[in-house]
Amino acid sequence: MTTIRIPTPLRAYTGGQIEVSVAGPTVAEAITELTTRHPSIKPHILQEDGELRPFVNLFKGEENIKDLQGLKTAIAEGDKLLLIPSIAGG
């Protein structure tokens, strides 16, 4: 299984879970499983077309998936994904 680490601002949408274990050979399938199990998180991380929202970064290890193959990035058992929403303020 792959683990997706949920940041504090989004944990309310995963029942307070810090990490969610998901399966799938790509980031897209892992995110699909996450949003199927926790549908209320979906509008906070995905656009209506299924792409990540512009202010959401997703890292596989230390690499942003935007610098890899995006949602098509391959994942393997034991990989860790980290969701990081951008935070703005002034």
N, C-alpha and C. Protein backbone atom coordinates (compact mmCIF):
# COMPACT_ATOMS: atom_id res chain seq x y z
N MET A 1 0.84 -1.18 0.00
CA MET A 1 0.00 0.00 0.00
C MET A 1 0.89 1.24 0.00
N THR A 2 0.33 2.28 -0.54
CA THR A 2 0.97 3.60 -0.53
C THR A 2 0.29 4.41 0.56
N THR A 3 1.05 5.27 1.20
CA THR A 3 0.51 6.11 2.26
C THR A 3 0.43 7.55 1.77
N ILE A 4 -0.73 8.18 1.97
CA ILE A 4 -0.89 9.60 1.67
C ILE A 4 -0.96 10.32 3.01
N ARG A 5 -0.04 11.23 3.24
CA ARG A 5 -0.02 12.03 4.47
C ARG A 5 -0.94 13.22 4.26
N ILE A 6 -1.86 13.38 5.19
CA ILE A 6 -2.88 14.43 5.10
C ILE A 6 -2.46 15.60 5.98
N PRO A 7 -2.37 16.81 5.42
CA PRO A 7 -1.99 17.97 6.24
C PRO A 7 -3.11 18.36 7.20
N THR A 8 -2.74 19.01 8.27
CA THR A 8 -3.69 19.37 9.33
C THR A 8 -4.96 20.06 8.79
N PRO A 9 -4.86 21.05 7.88
CA PRO A 9 -6.09 21.71 7.42
C PRO A 9 -7.08 20.79 6.70
N LEU A 10 -6.60 19.66 6.17
CA LEU A 10 -7.48 18.75 5.42
C LEU A 10 -7.91 17.53 6.23
N ARG A 11 -7.42 17.37 7.42
CA ARG A 11 -7.75 16.18 8.22
C ARG A 11 -9.22 16.13 8.62
N ALA A 12 -9.87 17.25 8.68
CA ALA A 12 -11.30 17.26 8.99
C ALA A 12 -12.09 16.47 7.95
N TYR A 13 -11.54 16.36 6.74
CA TYR A 13 -12.23 15.66 5.66
C TYR A 13 -11.86 14.18 5.58
N THR A 14 -10.95 13.74 6.43
CA THR A 14 -10.56 12.32 6.46
C THR A 14 -10.82 11.73 7.84
N GLY A 15 -11.74 12.31 8.57
CA GLY A 15 -12.06 11.80 9.90
C GLY A 15 -10.91 11.97 10.88
N GLY A 16 -10.08 12.96 10.64
CA GLY A 16 -8.97 13.23 11.54
C GLY A 16 -7.73 12.39 11.28
N GLN A 17 -7.78 11.54 10.25
CA GLN A 17 -6.63 10.68 9.96
C GLN A 17 -5.44 11.50 9.48
N ILE A 18 -4.27 11.15 10.02
CA ILE A 18 -3.02 11.80 9.62
C ILE A 18 -2.51 11.18 8.33
N GLU A 19 -2.69 9.89 8.17
CA GLU A 19 -2.27 9.17 6.98
C GLU A 19 -3.39 8.24 6.53
N VAL A 20 -3.51 8.08 5.22
CA VAL A 20 -4.49 7.17 4.64
C VAL A 20 -3.72 6.22 3.72
N SER A 21 -3.91 4.94 3.92
CA SER A 21 -3.27 3.94 3.05
C SER A 21 -4.17 3.67 1.86
N VAL A 22 -3.58 3.69 0.68
CA VAL A 22 -4.32 3.49 -0.57
C VAL A 22 -3.53 2.54 -1.46
N ALA A 23 -4.21 2.00 -2.46
CA ALA A 23 -3.57 1.10 -3.41
C ALA A 23 -3.71 1.69 -4.81
N GLY A 24 -2.87 1.22 -5.70
CA GLY A 24 -2.95 1.65 -7.09
C GLY A 24 -1.57 1.86 -7.66
N PRO A 25 -1.43 1.66 -8.97
CA PRO A 25 -0.12 1.79 -9.60
C PRO A 25 0.28 3.22 -9.96
N THR A 26 -0.69 4.16 -9.89
CA THR A 26 -0.38 5.55 -10.22
C THR A 26 -0.92 6.48 -9.15
N VAL A 27 -0.42 7.69 -9.15
CA VAL A 27 -0.91 8.71 -8.22
C VAL A 27 -2.41 8.94 -8.45
N ALA A 28 -2.83 8.97 -9.71
CA ALA A 28 -4.25 9.19 -10.02
C ALA A 28 -5.14 8.15 -9.35
N GLU A 29 -4.73 6.88 -9.40
CA GLU A 29 -5.54 5.84 -8.78
C GLU A 29 -5.51 5.93 -7.26
N ALA A 30 -4.38 6.34 -6.71
CA ALA A 30 -4.31 6.54 -5.26
C ALA A 30 -5.22 7.66 -4.82
N ILE A 31 -5.24 8.77 -5.57
CA ILE A 31 -6.10 9.90 -5.25
C ILE A 31 -7.57 9.51 -5.43
N THR A 32 -7.87 8.71 -6.45
CA THR A 32 -9.24 8.24 -6.65
C THR A 32 -9.70 7.43 -5.44
N GLU A 33 -8.84 6.55 -4.94
CA GLU A 33 -9.22 5.77 -3.77
C GLU A 33 -9.41 6.67 -2.55
N LEU A 34 -8.52 7.63 -2.38
CA LEU A 34 -8.66 8.57 -1.26
C LEU A 34 -9.99 9.31 -1.33
N THR A 35 -10.33 9.84 -2.50
CA THR A 35 -11.56 10.62 -2.62
C THR A 35 -12.81 9.76 -2.63
N THR A 36 -12.69 8.48 -2.96
CA THR A 36 -13.83 7.57 -2.87
C THR A 36 -14.13 7.26 -1.40
N ARG A 37 -13.07 7.02 -0.64
CA ARG A 37 -13.24 6.71 0.78
C ARG A 37 -13.57 7.94 1.61
N HIS A 38 -13.11 9.10 1.17
CA HIS A 38 -13.33 10.37 1.89
C HIS A 38 -13.80 11.43 0.89
N PRO A 39 -15.04 11.32 0.42
CA PRO A 39 -15.52 12.21 -0.65
C PRO A 39 -15.48 13.70 -0.31
N SER A 40 -15.56 14.06 0.95
CA SER A 40 -15.58 15.48 1.28
C SER A 40 -14.23 16.17 1.05
N ILE A 41 -13.16 15.41 0.88
CA ILE A 41 -11.85 16.02 0.61
C ILE A 41 -11.70 16.38 -0.87
N LYS A 42 -12.46 15.73 -1.72
CA LYS A 42 -12.30 15.88 -3.17
C LYS A 42 -12.33 17.33 -3.65
N PRO A 43 -13.33 18.14 -3.29
CA PRO A 43 -13.33 19.52 -3.83
C PRO A 43 -12.19 20.38 -3.30
N HIS A 44 -11.53 19.94 -2.28
CA HIS A 44 -10.42 20.71 -1.71
C HIS A 44 -9.08 20.40 -2.38
N ILE A 45 -9.01 19.27 -3.10
CA ILE A 45 -7.74 18.92 -3.74
C ILE A 45 -7.84 18.77 -5.26
N LEU A 46 -9.05 18.52 -5.77
CA LEU A 46 -9.21 18.30 -7.21
C LEU A 46 -10.14 19.32 -7.85
N GLN A 47 -9.82 19.68 -9.08
CA GLN A 47 -10.71 20.50 -9.88
C GLN A 47 -11.79 19.60 -10.47
N GLU A 48 -12.79 20.18 -11.08
CA GLU A 48 -13.87 19.39 -11.65
C GLU A 48 -13.40 18.46 -12.77
N ASP A 49 -12.30 18.82 -13.44
CA ASP A 49 -11.79 17.98 -14.52
C ASP A 49 -10.90 16.84 -14.00
N GLY A 50 -10.76 16.73 -12.67
CA GLY A 50 -9.99 15.64 -12.09
C GLY A 50 -8.52 15.96 -11.86
N GLU A 51 -8.07 17.12 -12.29
CA GLU A 51 -6.68 17.53 -12.08
C GLU A 51 -6.54 18.15 -10.68
N LEU A 52 -5.31 18.12 -10.17
CA LEU A 52 -5.07 18.76 -8.87
C LEU A 52 -5.34 20.25 -8.98
N ARG A 53 -5.89 20.80 -7.92
CA ARG A 53 -6.09 22.24 -7.88
C ARG A 53 -4.72 22.92 -7.97
N PRO A 54 -4.65 24.11 -8.55
CA PRO A 54 -3.35 24.78 -8.72
C PRO A 54 -2.62 25.03 -7.41
N PHE A 55 -3.35 25.19 -6.33
CA PHE A 55 -2.71 25.51 -5.05
C PHE A 55 -2.38 24.27 -4.22
N VAL A 56 -2.60 23.10 -4.79
CA VAL A 56 -2.29 21.85 -4.08
C VAL A 56 -1.04 21.22 -4.70
N ASN A 57 -0.07 20.94 -3.86
CA ASN A 57 1.13 20.24 -4.29
C ASN A 57 1.10 18.84 -3.72
N LEU A 58 1.58 17.89 -4.49
CA LEU A 58 1.61 16.51 -4.06
C LEU A 58 3.01 15.98 -4.33
N PHE A 59 3.65 15.52 -3.28
CA PHE A 59 5.02 15.04 -3.38
C PHE A 59 5.07 13.53 -3.25
N LYS A 60 5.88 12.92 -4.08
CA LYS A 60 6.23 11.50 -3.95
C LYS A 60 7.65 11.52 -3.40
N GLY A 61 7.77 11.16 -2.15
CA GLY A 61 9.07 11.32 -1.50
C GLY A 61 9.38 12.80 -1.43
N GLU A 62 10.49 13.21 -2.02
CA GLU A 62 10.88 14.62 -2.00
C GLU A 62 10.62 15.32 -3.33
N GLU A 63 9.99 14.62 -4.28
CA GLU A 63 9.76 15.20 -5.60
C GLU A 63 8.30 15.55 -5.82
N ASN A 64 8.07 16.78 -6.28
CA ASN A 64 6.74 17.22 -6.62
C ASN A 64 6.30 16.44 -7.87
N ILE A 65 5.10 15.86 -7.84
CA ILE A 65 4.65 15.08 -8.99
C ILE A 65 4.52 15.95 -10.24
N LYS A 66 4.39 17.27 -10.06
CA LYS A 66 4.33 18.18 -11.21
C LYS A 66 5.65 18.15 -11.98
N ASP A 67 6.74 17.80 -11.30
CA ASP A 67 8.05 17.70 -11.94
C ASP A 67 8.30 16.29 -12.47
N LEU A 68 7.39 15.37 -12.22
CA LEU A 68 7.50 13.99 -12.70
C LEU A 68 6.50 13.83 -13.83
N GLN A 69 5.54 12.93 -13.68
CA GLN A 69 4.53 12.71 -14.72
C GLN A 69 3.13 13.10 -14.24
N GLY A 70 3.07 14.03 -13.30
CA GLY A 70 1.78 14.47 -12.79
C GLY A 70 1.02 13.32 -12.17
N LEU A 71 -0.28 13.28 -12.39
CA LEU A 71 -1.11 12.23 -11.83
C LEU A 71 -0.80 10.86 -12.41
N LYS A 72 -0.09 10.82 -13.53
CA LYS A 72 0.29 9.54 -14.14
C LYS A 72 1.56 8.96 -13.52
N THR A 73 2.14 9.66 -12.55
CA THR A 73 3.36 9.20 -11.90
C THR A 73 3.13 7.83 -11.27
N ALA A 74 4.02 6.90 -11.56
CA ALA A 74 3.92 5.55 -11.01
C ALA A 74 4.29 5.56 -9.53
N ILE A 75 3.58 4.73 -8.79
CA ILE A 75 3.89 4.54 -7.37
C ILE A 75 3.99 3.05 -7.09
N ALA A 76 4.70 2.75 -6.02
CA ALA A 76 4.90 1.36 -5.64
C ALA A 76 4.56 1.19 -4.18
N GLU A 77 4.36 -0.04 -3.78
CA GLU A 77 4.06 -0.33 -2.39
C GLU A 77 5.17 0.25 -1.51
N GLY A 78 4.74 0.92 -0.46
CA GLY A 78 5.68 1.53 0.46
C GLY A 78 6.00 2.98 0.16
N ASP A 79 5.59 3.47 -1.02
CA ASP A 79 5.81 4.88 -1.33
C ASP A 79 4.97 5.75 -0.39
N LYS A 80 5.46 6.94 -0.16
CA LYS A 80 4.74 7.91 0.65
C LYS A 80 4.45 9.14 -0.19
N LEU A 81 3.19 9.54 -0.18
CA LEU A 81 2.76 10.76 -0.86
C LEU A 81 2.42 11.79 0.21
N LEU A 82 2.75 13.03 -0.08
CA LEU A 82 2.49 14.11 0.87
C LEU A 82 1.70 15.21 0.17
N LEU A 83 0.49 15.46 0.66
CA LEU A 83 -0.34 16.55 0.15
C LEU A 83 0.06 17.84 0.87
N ILE A 84 0.30 18.89 0.10
CA ILE A 84 0.64 20.16 0.70
C ILE A 84 -0.19 21.25 0.02
N PRO A 85 -1.21 21.76 0.71
CA PRO A 85 -1.96 22.87 0.14
C PRO A 85 -1.20 24.17 0.37
N SER A 86 -1.19 25.04 -0.62
CA SER A 86 -0.56 26.34 -0.45
C SER A 86 -1.41 27.17 0.52
N ILE A 87 -0.73 27.94 1.31
CA ILE A 87 -1.43 28.80 2.26
C ILE A 87 -1.04 30.23 1.98
N ALA A 88 -2.05 31.07 1.80
CA ALA A 88 -1.79 32.48 1.52
C ALA A 88 -2.29 33.31 2.69
N GLY A 89 -1.73 34.42 2.80
CA GLY A 89 -2.17 35.33 3.87
C GLY A 89 -1.51 36.68 3.69
N GLY A 90 -1.89 37.55 4.52
CA GLY A 90 -1.30 38.88 4.37
C GLY A 90 -1.34 39.64 5.63
